[in-house]
Amino acid sequence: MRAATSSVAPTSEGGQLGQDRFIKRAAWAADRLWLLTESGTLSSVAPGEINRRTEATSGPVADICVAGTALIILDADGQLSHLKQRFWYAMERLDLTGKRFRL
């Protein structure tokens, strides 16, 4: 299942507005440095690139992590997705309400 394709539009630091300048989390995966801002925007930069590029997601990203060599994103609804060949693939959806769920 594909969630969204990844954007390749570079963004300069001067083009970032408001909260987009404040990095909440950074992770290294797939030969890129992934940056998550406090506003939920995901961007990345590779060695040798001058500007970071904004990555398209289905909505604001709550957090990121790395599993093996793959970047994993968690959205505000609890959806986990991983990036593979410039596409986001949905994984599990977590229950973020605090209620127990059956396996």
PDB file of N, CA and C in Angstrom:
ATOM      1  N   MET A   1       0.845  -1.178   0.000  1.00  0.00           N
ATOM      2  CA  MET A   1       0.000   0.000   0.000  1.00  0.00           C
ATOM      3  C   MET A   1       0.886   1.235   0.000  1.00  0.00           C
ATOM      4  N   ARG A   2       0.657   2.139  -0.912  1.00  0.00           N
ATOM      5  CA  ARG A   2       1.435   3.354  -1.013  1.00  0.00           C
ATOM      6  C   ARG A   2       0.710   4.494  -0.337  1.00  0.00           C
ATOM      7  N   ALA A   3       1.415   5.227   0.532  1.00  0.00           N
ATOM      8  CA  ALA A   3       0.804   6.356   1.218  1.00  0.00           C
ATOM      9  C   ALA A   3       1.033   7.649   0.453  1.00  0.00           C
ATOM     10  N   ALA A   4       2.275   7.885   0.015  1.00  0.00           N
ATOM     11  CA  ALA A   4       2.590   9.112  -0.695  1.00  0.00           C
ATOM     12  C   ALA A   4       3.948   8.958  -1.340  1.00  0.00           C
ATOM     13  N   THR A   5       4.192   9.725  -2.391  1.00  0.00           N
ATOM     14  CA  THR A   5       5.515   9.733  -2.971  1.00  0.00           C
ATOM     15  C   THR A   5       6.323  10.816  -2.273  1.00  0.00           C
ATOM     16  N   SER A   6       7.597  10.723  -2.363  1.00  0.00           N
ATOM     17  CA  SER A   6       8.484  11.675  -1.726  1.00  0.00           C
ATOM     18  C   SER A   6       8.792  12.816  -2.690  1.00  0.00           C
ATOM     19  N   SER A   7       8.727  14.031  -2.216  1.00  0.00           N
ATOM     20  CA  SER A   7       8.992  15.205  -3.030  1.00  0.00           C
ATOM     21  C   SER A   7      10.497  15.396  -3.213  1.00  0.00           C
ATOM     22  N   VAL A   8      10.889  15.981  -4.323  1.00  0.00           N
ATOM     23  CA  VAL A   8      12.302  16.248  -4.550  1.00  0.00           C
ATOM     24  C   VAL A   8      12.598  17.737  -4.580  1.00  0.00           C
ATOM     25  N   ALA A   9      11.638  18.567  -4.224  1.00  0.00           N
ATOM     26  CA  ALA A   9      11.841  20.006  -4.271  1.00  0.00           C
ATOM     27  C   ALA A   9      12.752  20.455  -3.139  1.00  0.00           C
ATOM     28  N   PRO A  10      13.909  21.071  -3.475  1.00  0.00           N
ATOM     29  CA  PRO A  10      14.798  21.536  -2.419  1.00  0.00           C
ATOM     30  C   PRO A  10      14.223  22.764  -1.739  1.00  0.00           C
ATOM     31  N   THR A  11      14.531  22.911  -0.473  1.00  0.00           N
ATOM     32  CA  THR A  11      14.113  24.093   0.271  1.00  0.00           C
ATOM     33  C   THR A  11      15.339  24.686   0.935  1.00  0.00           C
ATOM     34  N   SER A  12      15.500  25.958   0.804  1.00  0.00           N
ATOM     35  CA  SER A  12      16.621  26.604   1.474  1.00  0.00           C
ATOM     36  C   SER A  12      16.225  26.899   2.907  1.00  0.00           C
ATOM     37  N   GLU A  13      17.202  27.027   3.759  1.00  0.00           N
ATOM     38  CA  GLU A  13      16.920  27.331   5.155  1.00  0.00           C
ATOM     39  C   GLU A  13      16.163  28.648   5.278  1.00  0.00           C
ATOM     40  N   GLY A  14      16.449  29.607   4.411  1.00  0.00           N
ATOM     41  CA  GLY A  14      15.749  30.876   4.450  1.00  0.00           C
ATOM     42  C   GLY A  14      14.286  30.743   4.072  1.00  0.00           C
ATOM     43  N   GLY A  15      13.928  29.687   3.342  1.00  0.00           N
ATOM     44  CA  GLY A  15      12.556  29.466   2.927  1.00  0.00           C
ATOM     45  C   GLY A  15      11.708  28.804   3.984  1.00  0.00           C
ATOM     46  N   GLN A  16      12.316  28.313   5.050  1.00  0.00           N
ATOM     47  CA  GLN A  16      11.568  27.673   6.119  1.00  0.00           C
ATOM     48  C   GLN A  16      10.938  28.753   6.996  1.00  0.00           C
ATOM     49  N   LEU A  17       9.672  28.578   7.320  1.00  0.00           N
ATOM     50  CA  LEU A  17       8.960  29.581   8.109  1.00  0.00           C
ATOM     51  C   LEU A  17       8.622  29.050   9.492  1.00  0.00           C
ATOM     52  N   GLY A  18       8.596  29.934  10.464  1.00  0.00           N
ATOM     53  CA  GLY A  18       8.123  29.602  11.806  1.00  0.00           C
ATOM     54  C   GLY A  18       8.764  28.375  12.400  1.00  0.00           C
ATOM     55  N   GLN A  19       7.939  27.432  12.833  1.00  0.00           N
ATOM     56  CA  GLN A  19       8.386  26.236  13.523  1.00  0.00           C
ATOM     57  C   GLN A  19       9.231  25.325  12.644  1.00  0.00           C
ATOM     58  N   ASP A  20       9.157  25.455  11.331  1.00  0.00           N
ATOM     59  CA  ASP A  20       9.928  24.586  10.450  1.00  0.00           C
ATOM     60  C   ASP A  20      11.432  24.721  10.668  1.00  0.00           C
ATOM     61  N   ARG A  21      11.862  25.776  11.319  1.00  0.00           N
ATOM     62  CA  ARG A  21      13.283  25.947  11.586  1.00  0.00           C
ATOM     63  C   ARG A  21      13.751  25.136  12.787  1.00  0.00           C
ATOM     64  N   PHE A  22      12.844  24.678  13.633  1.00  0.00           N
ATOM     65  CA  PHE A  22      13.206  23.993  14.858  1.00  0.00           C
ATOM     66  C   PHE A  22      13.162  22.487  14.650  1.00  0.00           C
ATOM     67  N   ILE A  23      14.322  21.869  14.657  1.00  0.00           N
ATOM     68  CA  ILE A  23      14.429  20.436  14.438  1.00  0.00           C
ATOM     69  C   ILE A  23      14.101  19.700  15.732  1.00  0.00           C
ATOM     70  N   LYS A  24      13.147  18.776  15.647  1.00  0.00           N
ATOM     71  CA  LYS A  24      12.716  17.970  16.789  1.00  0.00           C
ATOM     72  C   LYS A  24      13.516  16.673  16.878  1.00  0.00           C
ATOM     73  N   ARG A  25      13.804  16.077  15.718  1.00  0.00           N
ATOM     74  CA  ARG A  25      14.483  14.783  15.687  1.00  0.00           C
ATOM     75  C   ARG A  25      15.280  14.674  14.392  1.00  0.00           C
ATOM     76  N   ALA A  26      16.398  13.964  14.462  1.00  0.00           N
ATOM     77  CA  ALA A  26      17.214  13.688  13.283  1.00  0.00           C
ATOM     78  C   ALA A  26      17.589  12.216  13.298  1.00  0.00           C
ATOM     79  N   ALA A  27      17.660  11.606  12.116  1.00  0.00           N
ATOM     80  CA  ALA A  27      18.012  10.189  12.011  1.00  0.00           C
ATOM     81  C   ALA A  27      18.732   9.954  10.687  1.00  0.00           C
ATOM     82  N   TRP A  28      19.649   8.996  10.688  1.00  0.00           N
ATOM     83  CA  TRP A  28      20.378   8.628   9.476  1.00  0.00           C
ATOM     84  C   TRP A  28      19.798   7.332   8.934  1.00  0.00           C
ATOM     85  N   ALA A  29      19.332   7.342   7.694  1.00  0.00           N
ATOM     86  CA  ALA A  29      18.790   6.135   7.051  1.00  0.00           C
ATOM     87  C   ALA A  29      18.889   6.305   5.547  1.00  0.00           C
ATOM     88  N   ALA A  30      19.135   5.201   4.843  1.00  0.00           N
ATOM     89  CA  ALA A  30      19.170   5.190   3.384  1.00  0.00           C
ATOM     90  C   ALA A  30      20.106   6.268   2.826  1.00  0.00           C
ATOM     91  N   ASP A  31      21.259   6.427   3.472  1.00  0.00           N
ATOM     92  CA  ASP A  31      22.288   7.380   3.036  1.00  0.00           C
ATOM     93  C   ASP A  31      21.828   8.827   3.023  1.00  0.00           C
ATOM     94  N   ARG A  32      20.868   9.152   3.909  1.00  0.00           N
ATOM     95  CA  ARG A  32      20.384  10.528   4.040  1.00  0.00           C
ATOM     96  C   ARG A  32      20.220  10.865   5.518  1.00  0.00           C
ATOM     97  N   LEU A  33      20.359  12.149   5.839  1.00  0.00           N
ATOM     98  CA  LEU A  33      20.027  12.644   7.163  1.00  0.00           C
ATOM     99  C   LEU A  33      18.599  13.147   7.097  1.00  0.00           C
ATOM    100  N   TRP A  34      17.724  12.550   7.906  1.00  0.00           N
ATOM    101  CA  TRP A  34      16.303  12.893   7.929  1.00  0.00           C
ATOM    102  C   TRP A  34      16.057  13.821   9.101  1.00  0.00           C
ATOM    103  N   LEU A  35      15.337  14.921   8.844  1.00  0.00           N
ATOM    104  CA  LEU A  35      15.084  15.945   9.845  1.00  0.00           C
ATOM    105  C   LEU A  35      13.585  16.132  10.014  1.00  0.00           C
ATOM    106  N   LEU A  36      13.133  16.044  11.254  1.00  0.00           N
ATOM    107  CA  LEU A  36      11.727  16.254  11.585  1.00  0.00           C
ATOM    108  C   LEU A  36      11.612  17.541  12.378  1.00  0.00           C
ATOM    109  N   THR A  37      10.759  18.447  11.924  1.00  0.00           N
ATOM    110  CA  THR A  37      10.580  19.714  12.629  1.00  0.00           C
ATOM    111  C   THR A  37       9.473  19.599  13.668  1.00  0.00           C
ATOM    112  N   GLU A  38       9.421  20.572  14.564  1.00  0.00           N
ATOM    113  CA  GLU A  38       8.378  20.599  15.592  1.00  0.00           C
ATOM    114  C   GLU A  38       6.980  20.704  14.995  1.00  0.00           C
ATOM    115  N   SER A  39       6.872  21.232  13.785  1.00  0.00           N
ATOM    116  CA  SER A  39       5.553  21.356  13.142  1.00  0.00           C
ATOM    117  C   SER A  39       5.160  20.103  12.369  1.00  0.00           C
ATOM    118  N   GLY A  40       6.023  19.060  12.359  1.00  0.00           N
ATOM    119  CA  GLY A  40       5.676  17.811  11.697  1.00  0.00           C
ATOM    120  C   GLY A  40       6.119  17.706  10.257  1.00  0.00           C
ATOM    121  N   THR A  41       6.955  18.624   9.799  1.00  0.00           N
ATOM    122  CA  THR A  41       7.478  18.583   8.442  1.00  0.00           C
ATOM    123  C   THR A  41       8.724  17.705   8.404  1.00  0.00           C
ATOM    124  N   LEU A  42       8.818  16.852   7.390  1.00  0.00           N
ATOM    125  CA  LEU A  42       9.961  15.964   7.226  1.00  0.00           C
ATOM    126  C   LEU A  42      10.792  16.446   6.046  1.00  0.00           C
ATOM    127  N   SER A  43      12.093  16.520   6.254  1.00  0.00           N
ATOM    128  CA  SER A  43      12.996  16.882   5.168  1.00  0.00           C
ATOM    129  C   SER A  43      14.231  16.007   5.272  1.00  0.00           C
ATOM    130  N   SER A  44      15.062  16.048   4.225  1.00  0.00           N
ATOM    131  CA  SER A  44      16.274  15.236   4.240  1.00  0.00           C
ATOM    132  C   SER A  44      17.367  15.913   3.442  1.00  0.00           C
ATOM    133  N   VAL A  45      18.590  15.478   3.712  1.00  0.00           N
ATOM    134  CA  VAL A  45      19.758  15.967   2.984  1.00  0.00           C
ATOM    135  C   VAL A  45      20.772  14.834   2.923  1.00  0.00           C
ATOM    136  N   ALA A  46      21.447  14.732   1.785  1.00  0.00           N
ATOM    137  CA  ALA A  46      22.473  13.699   1.592  1.00  0.00           C
ATOM    138  C   ALA A  46      23.842  14.365   1.565  1.00  0.00           C
ATOM    139  N   PRO A  47      24.882  13.604   1.833  1.00  0.00           N
ATOM    140  CA  PRO A  47      26.230  14.167   1.754  1.00  0.00           C
ATOM    141  C   PRO A  47      26.463  14.800   0.376  1.00  0.00           C
ATOM    142  N   GLY A  48      27.009  16.002   0.378  1.00  0.00           N
ATOM    143  CA  GLY A  48      27.280  16.714  -0.874  1.00  0.00           C
ATOM    144  C   GLY A  48      26.162  17.621  -1.336  1.00  0.00           C
ATOM    145  N   GLU A  49      24.966  17.469  -0.790  1.00  0.00           N
ATOM    146  CA  GLU A  49      23.860  18.356  -1.153  1.00  0.00           C
ATOM    147  C   GLU A  49      23.963  19.644  -0.347  1.00  0.00           C
ATOM    148  N   ILE A  50      23.568  20.742  -0.966  1.00  0.00           N
ATOM    149  CA  ILE A  50      23.646  22.045  -0.300  1.00  0.00           C
ATOM    150  C   ILE A  50      22.375  22.339   0.490  1.00  0.00           C
ATOM    151  N   ASN A  51      21.232  22.041  -0.082  1.00  0.00           N
ATOM    152  CA  ASN A  51      19.943  22.327   0.542  1.00  0.00           C
ATOM    153  C   ASN A  51      19.227  21.034   0.913  1.00  0.00           C
ATOM    154  N   ARG A  52      18.436  21.113   1.971  1.00  0.00           N
ATOM    155  CA  ARG A  52      17.606  19.959   2.307  1.00  0.00           C
ATOM    156  C   ARG A  52      16.359  19.993   1.428  1.00  0.00           C
ATOM    157  N   ARG A  53      15.739  18.827   1.268  1.00  0.00           N
ATOM    158  CA  ARG A  53      14.521  18.764   0.466  1.00  0.00           C
ATOM    159  C   ARG A  53      13.362  18.341   1.368  1.00  0.00           C
ATOM    160  N   THR A  54      12.217  18.937   1.138  1.00  0.00           N
ATOM    161  CA  THR A  54      11.017  18.600   1.876  1.00  0.00           C
ATOM    162  C   THR A  54      10.471  17.295   1.326  1.00  0.00           C
ATOM    163  N   GLU A  55      10.101  16.385   2.227  1.00  0.00           N
ATOM    164  CA  GLU A  55       9.580  15.083   1.831  1.00  0.00           C
ATOM    165  C   GLU A  55       8.063  15.081   1.994  1.00  0.00           C
ATOM    166  N   ALA A  56       7.357  14.654   0.964  1.00  0.00           N
ATOM    167  CA  ALA A  56       5.897  14.595   1.010  1.00  0.00           C
ATOM    168  C   ALA A  56       5.458  13.423   1.884  1.00  0.00           C
ATOM    169  N   THR A  57       4.523  13.675   2.778  1.00  0.00           N
ATOM    170  CA  THR A  57       3.913  12.640   3.611  1.00  0.00           C
ATOM    171  C   THR A  57       2.407  12.846   3.575  1.00  0.00           C
ATOM    172  N   SER A  58       1.664  11.893   4.106  1.00  0.00           N
ATOM    173  CA  SER A  58       0.200  12.000   4.060  1.00  0.00           C
ATOM    174  C   SER A  58      -0.341  13.043   5.032  1.00  0.00           C
ATOM    175  N   GLY A  59       0.486  13.565   5.900  1.00  0.00           N
ATOM    176  CA  GLY A  59       0.099  14.581   6.871  1.00  0.00           C
ATOM    177  C   GLY A  59       1.282  14.860   7.781  1.00  0.00           C
ATOM    178  N   PRO A  60       1.055  15.648   8.827  1.00  0.00           N
ATOM    179  CA  PRO A  60       2.151  15.934   9.754  1.00  0.00           C
ATOM    180  C   PRO A  60       2.713  14.653  10.374  1.00  0.00           C
ATOM    181  N   VAL A  61       4.009  14.623  10.538  1.00  0.00           N
ATOM    182  CA  VAL A  61       4.693  13.479  11.126  1.00  0.00           C
ATOM    183  C   VAL A  61       4.899  13.754  12.614  1.00  0.00           C
ATOM    184  N   ALA A  62       4.497  12.780  13.451  1.00  0.00           N
ATOM    185  CA  ALA A  62       4.647  12.938  14.899  1.00  0.00           C
ATOM    186  C   ALA A  62       6.054  12.574  15.362  1.00  0.00           C
ATOM    187  N   ASP A  63       6.655  11.531  14.739  1.00  0.00           N
ATOM    188  CA  ASP A  63       7.991  11.112  15.137  1.00  0.00           C
ATOM    189  C   ASP A  63       8.597  10.229  14.057  1.00  0.00           C
ATOM    190  N   ILE A  64       9.903  10.026  14.152  1.00  0.00           N
ATOM    191  CA  ILE A  64      10.627   9.171  13.215  1.00  0.00           C
ATOM    192  C   ILE A  64      11.571   8.261  13.981  1.00  0.00           C
ATOM    193  N   CYS A  65      11.921   7.135  13.350  1.00  0.00           N
ATOM    194  CA  CYS A  65      12.965   6.261  13.882  1.00  0.00           C
ATOM    195  C   CYS A  65      13.520   5.455  12.715  1.00  0.00           C
ATOM    196  N   VAL A  66      14.545   4.661  13.006  1.00  0.00           N
ATOM    197  CA  VAL A  66      15.163   3.826  11.985  1.00  0.00           C
ATOM    198  C   VAL A  66      15.059   2.376  12.421  1.00  0.00           C
ATOM    199  N   ALA A  67      14.664   1.504  11.499  1.00  0.00           N
ATOM    200  CA  ALA A  67      14.634   0.061  11.725  1.00  0.00           C
ATOM    201  C   ALA A  67      15.495  -0.570  10.636  1.00  0.00           C
ATOM    202  N   GLY A  68      16.620  -1.140  11.027  1.00  0.00           N
ATOM    203  CA  GLY A  68      17.572  -1.629  10.038  1.00  0.00           C
ATOM    204  C   GLY A  68      18.149  -0.445   9.304  1.00  0.00           C
ATOM    205  N   THR A  69      17.873  -0.354   8.017  1.00  0.00           N
ATOM    206  CA  THR A  69      18.321   0.799   7.231  1.00  0.00           C
ATOM    207  C   THR A  69      17.146   1.650   6.756  1.00  0.00           C
ATOM    208  N   ALA A  70      15.926   1.311   7.188  1.00  0.00           N
ATOM    209  CA  ALA A  70      14.718   2.009   6.723  1.00  0.00           C
ATOM    210  C   ALA A  70      14.271   3.089   7.700  1.00  0.00           C
ATOM    211  N   LEU A  71      13.832   4.206   7.147  1.00  0.00           N
ATOM    212  CA  LEU A  71      13.227   5.258   7.953  1.00  0.00           C
ATOM    213  C   LEU A  71      11.775   4.887   8.213  1.00  0.00           C
ATOM    214  N   ILE A  72      11.341   5.005   9.455  1.00  0.00           N
ATOM    215  CA  ILE A  72       9.951   4.748   9.849  1.00  0.00           C
ATOM    216  C   ILE A  72       9.368   6.065  10.343  1.00  0.00           C
ATOM    217  N   ILE A  73       8.162   6.401   9.873  1.00  0.00           N
ATOM    218  CA  ILE A  73       7.476   7.590  10.373  1.00  0.00           C
ATOM    219  C   ILE A  73       6.209   7.173  11.109  1.00  0.00           C
ATOM    220  N   LEU A  74       5.846   7.960  12.095  1.00  0.00           N
ATOM    221  CA  LEU A  74       4.606   7.797  12.846  1.00  0.00           C
ATOM    222  C   LEU A  74       3.804   9.062  12.656  1.00  0.00           C
ATOM    223  N   ASP A  75       2.569   8.929  12.129  1.00  0.00           N
ATOM    224  CA  ASP A  75       1.756  10.132  11.976  1.00  0.00           C
ATOM    225  C   ASP A  75       0.872  10.332  13.202  1.00  0.00           C
ATOM    226  N   ALA A  76       0.154  11.423  13.230  1.00  0.00           N
ATOM    227  CA  ALA A  76      -0.651  11.790  14.399  1.00  0.00           C
ATOM    228  C   ALA A  76      -1.779  10.807  14.674  1.00  0.00           C
ATOM    229  N   ASP A  77      -2.196  10.022  13.668  1.00  0.00           N
ATOM    230  CA  ASP A  77      -3.258   9.029  13.840  1.00  0.00           C
ATOM    231  C   ASP A  77      -2.727   7.664  14.254  1.00  0.00           C
ATOM    232  N   GLY A  78      -1.407   7.545  14.440  1.00  0.00           N
ATOM    233  CA  GLY A  78      -0.821   6.279  14.855  1.00  0.00           C
ATOM    234  C   GLY A  78      -0.389   5.388  13.714  1.00  0.00           C
ATOM    235  N   GLN A  79      -0.462   5.878  12.482  1.00  0.00           N
ATOM    236  CA  GLN A  79      -0.058   5.075  11.324  1.00  0.00           C
ATOM    237  C   GLN A  79       1.463   5.057  11.209  1.00  0.00           C
ATOM    238  N   LEU A  80       2.037   3.855  11.166  1.00  0.00           N
ATOM    239  CA  LEU A  80       3.462   3.684  10.900  1.00  0.00           C
ATOM    240  C   LEU A  80       3.643   3.442   9.410  1.00  0.00           C
ATOM    241  N   SER A  81       4.636   4.072   8.811  1.00  0.00           N
ATOM    242  CA  SER A  81       4.940   3.879   7.394  1.00  0.00           C
ATOM    243  C   SER A  81       6.451   3.851   7.224  1.00  0.00           C
ATOM    244  N   HIS A  82       6.908   3.113   6.220  1.00  0.00           N
ATOM    245  CA  HIS A  82       8.341   3.091   5.939  1.00  0.00           C
ATOM    246  C   HIS A  82       8.576   3.504   4.486  1.00  0.00           C
ATOM    247  N   LEU A  83       9.748   4.072   4.268  1.00  0.00           N
ATOM    248  CA  LEU A  83      10.118   4.569   2.955  1.00  0.00           C
ATOM    249  C   LEU A  83      10.923   3.509   2.216  1.00  0.00           C
ATOM    250  N   LYS A  84      10.515   3.235   0.981  1.00  0.00           N
ATOM    251  CA  LYS A  84      11.244   2.298   0.136  1.00  0.00           C
ATOM    252  C   LYS A  84      11.171   2.802  -1.296  1.00  0.00           C
ATOM    253  N   GLN A  85      12.313   3.065  -1.891  1.00  0.00           N
ATOM    254  CA  GLN A  85      12.412   3.535  -3.264  1.00  0.00           C
ATOM    255  C   GLN A  85      11.512   4.740  -3.523  1.00  0.00           C
ATOM    256  N   ARG A  86      11.600   5.717  -2.644  1.00  0.00           N
ATOM    257  CA  ARG A  86      10.905   7.013  -2.761  1.00  0.00           C
ATOM    258  C   ARG A  86       9.392   6.946  -2.580  1.00  0.00           C
ATOM    259  N   PHE A  87       8.864   5.830  -2.072  1.00  0.00           N
ATOM    260  CA  PHE A  87       7.438   5.705  -1.774  1.00  0.00           C
ATOM    261  C   PHE A  87       7.255   5.337  -0.314  1.00  0.00           C
ATOM    262  N   TRP A  88       6.188   5.838   0.298  1.00  0.00           N
ATOM    263  CA  TRP A  88       5.832   5.495   1.669  1.00  0.00           C
ATOM    264  C   TRP A  88       4.871   4.315   1.638  1.00  0.00           C
ATOM    265  N   TYR A  89       5.167   3.298   2.422  1.00  0.00           N
ATOM    266  CA  TYR A  89       4.329   2.111   2.514  1.00  0.00           C
ATOM    267  C   TYR A  89       3.770   1.998   3.928  1.00  0.00           C
ATOM    268  N   ALA A  90       2.453   1.899   4.030  1.00  0.00           N
ATOM    269  CA  ALA A  90       1.793   1.791   5.331  1.00  0.00           C
ATOM    270  C   ALA A  90       2.150   0.464   5.984  1.00  0.00           C
ATOM    271  N   MET A  91       2.365   0.517   7.278  1.00  0.00           N
ATOM    272  CA  MET A  91       2.647  -0.672   8.078  1.00  0.00           C
ATOM    273  C   MET A  91       1.478  -0.859   9.040  1.00  0.00           C
ATOM    274  N   GLU A  92       1.753  -0.927  10.301  1.00  0.00           N
ATOM    275  CA  GLU A  92       0.719  -1.073  11.318  1.00  0.00           C
ATOM    276  C   GLU A  92       0.177   0.286  11.734  1.00  0.00           C
ATOM    277  N   ARG A  93      -1.017   0.271  12.298  1.00  0.00           N
ATOM    278  CA  ARG A  93      -1.575   1.475  12.929  1.00  0.00           C
ATOM    279  C   ARG A  93      -1.605   1.210  14.426  1.00  0.00           C
ATOM    280  N   LEU A  94      -1.002   2.107  15.190  1.00  0.00           N
ATOM    281  CA  LEU A  94      -0.951   1.962  16.635  1.00  0.00           C
ATOM    282  C   LEU A  94      -2.151   2.634  17.279  1.00  0.00           C
ATOM    283  N   ASP A  95      -2.609   2.090  18.396  1.00  0.00           N
ATOM    284  CA  ASP A  95      -3.694   2.695  19.169  1.00  0.00           C
ATOM    285  C   ASP A  95      -3.082   3.734  20.094  1.00  0.00           C
ATOM    286  N   LEU A  96      -3.262   5.004  19.771  1.00  0.00           N
ATOM    287  CA  LEU A  96      -2.676   6.080  20.563  1.00  0.00           C
ATOM    288  C   LEU A  96      -3.648   6.654  21.582  1.00  0.00           C
ATOM    289  N   THR A  97      -4.815   6.012  21.737  1.00  0.00           N
ATOM    290  CA  THR A  97      -5.819   6.522  22.673  1.00  0.00           C
ATOM    291  C   THR A  97      -5.570   6.052  24.094  1.00  0.00           C
ATOM    292  N   GLY A  98      -4.669   5.093  24.267  1.00  0.00           N
ATOM    293  CA  GLY A  98      -4.405   4.560  25.597  1.00  0.00           C
ATOM    294  C   GLY A  98      -5.265   3.358  25.935  1.00  0.00           C
ATOM    295  N   LYS A  99      -6.185   2.993  25.044  1.00  0.00           N
ATOM    296  CA  LYS A  99      -7.028   1.821  25.266  1.00  0.00           C
ATOM    297  C   LYS A  99      -6.268   0.579  24.858  1.00  0.00           C
ATOM    298  N   ARG A 100      -6.547  -0.527  25.468  1.00  0.00           N
ATOM    299  CA  ARG A 100      -5.907  -1.784  25.100  1.00  0.00           C
ATOM    300  C   ARG A 100      -6.521  -2.307  23.812  1.00  0.00           C
ATOM    301  N   PHE A 101      -5.727  -3.020  23.064  1.00  0.00           N
ATOM    302  CA  PHE A 101      -6.241  -3.628  21.845  1.00  0.00           C
ATOM    303  C   PHE A 101      -5.825  -5.093  21.810  1.00  0.00           C
ATOM    304  N   ARG A 102      -6.598  -5.884  21.063  1.00  0.00           N
ATOM    305  CA  ARG A 102      -6.326  -7.319  20.959  1.00  0.00           C
ATOM    306  C   ARG A 102      -5.347  -7.595  19.840  1.00  0.00           C
ATOM    307  N   LEU A 103      -4.467  -8.550  20.063  1.00  0.00           N
ATOM    308  CA  LEU A 103      -3.526  -8.976  19.023  1.00  0.00           C
ATOM    309  C   LEU A 103      -4.105 -10.146  18.269  1.00  0.00           C
TER     310      LEU A 103
END
